[in-house]
Amino acid sequence: MSAGIISRHFVLAAGGTGGHMIPAHALAEELIDRGHKVSLISDARGANIPCLFDGAEIHIMPAGRVSGGPVGWFRAARNIWTGRSMARRLYRGDRPAAVVGFGGYPALPALLGAHSMGIPTLVHEQNAVLGRVNRLVARKVDAIATAYPNVERLKRQYGRKVHLVGNPVREQVLALRSEPFPLLTEDGIFRVLVTGGSQGATILSTVVPEGLSMLPQEFRRRLQVTQQCRAEDIERVRAQYAQFGIPAELATYLPDLPARLAWSHLFIGRAGASTIAELTAAGRPAILIPLPIATDDHQTANAREMAREGGARMIPQSQFTPSELAAQMQHLGLDPMALANAAAHARAIGRPDASRDLADLVERIGRTPAADPLTVGQIRTESVPNGAFA
């Protein structure tokens, strides 16, 4: 425990997807390392993600997803109210110093319960568009932590409580920042990592093998591909790579993703918040294909900074064809210096201190009244860059 830090209880509330759970887990590790107690509120999906939140109490509460017309709205309202009551009982038993929401519907009743009891609250937004739950509670919370300097759907009136901290990543990924980009010679092995979430892997499994097959033969011979595929796609993709003579390792799940990222020269995949945070923390160039059906098109917004700064090439899914992929691969893969420069640009926009800065903010919120000045990465309204608030 750091000198002068008094042990406190913090509750983290997150929806059950990796995009919400991974940064919450990273913050939990940082707070536990500082000597604090951490509890998690999530749904059944979040509680069952392996290797997360060891040493933390886990509480499953109704999610209260708002959808499905009047019947769905009534069911959601009932679940939110039930979750709020459960959260209040939990807080009365062991009152937290603060409750931190990471988005997702399970976070909503946890934050509402805390607000009703006068417990300090804050939210962390991983994406470049403020999520629905965070928009619902933005007026009530004491602070809003962001991963990007420009966040769409974030009202200017909240500027004084907005703090740029970045998106916390796993320690295994953060450790890659101190390692050099893998050496690539003109005739050396070119390692490609391809991943996509449950909604995104099929198009990658369709386009990537065919696109790589269109590369010049001398380039194809240098490739080494590791690719995540859906179970229903994996044998077809394996046969394609074998037909094209491209060495490939395929799996439905990659538990050692940080190790794979360590030796990769290029990433191809979606533009989820955690993906962008890990690529920029490690300093790995990418070809990003934002998921077009993502809520508020937030993956396109996520990818803009990395693409603008030269760390990635962004291809809209409507333009993600084998020929376009082959063209982009040749731009990067046939020029080792261009690839190394892209890696450096990706690394330059990484925010490796996100876990520390977010933990500092959480400790401040949990110790001082909301009216006290907060200094961690704070963005004052008068100095907000253009586009930061919608």
Foldseek 3Di string as FASTA:
>chain_A
DDPPDDAFEEEEEEEQDCLQQFLVQLLCVVNVVVVYAYEYEYAPNNVPDPPGDPRHHYDHAQQLDQDDPPVSNVVSVVRLVRLLVVLLVVCVVGPGLEYEYADGRRVQSNVVNCLVVVRAYEYEYLFLERDDSCLVCVVRHLAYEYQDLAHEPFALVSQQRYFYQHGAHDPLLLVLQPPAQADDDLQAAAEEEEEEPPVWQPVCLVAVLLLLLPAPPSLQCRYEYEYAHDPVRVVVSVVSCVVSVHHYHYDNDDPPVSVSQSRHLEYEYAQRSRVLQSLQSNLHAYEYEHDCPPVVSRSVVSCVVLVVQQLYHYDYPVRRHSNVSNVVCCVQVNDVVSSSVSSVSSNVPHNSCSSVLVSVVVSCSSPDPSPDRDDRRRGHSVRRPPNRYD
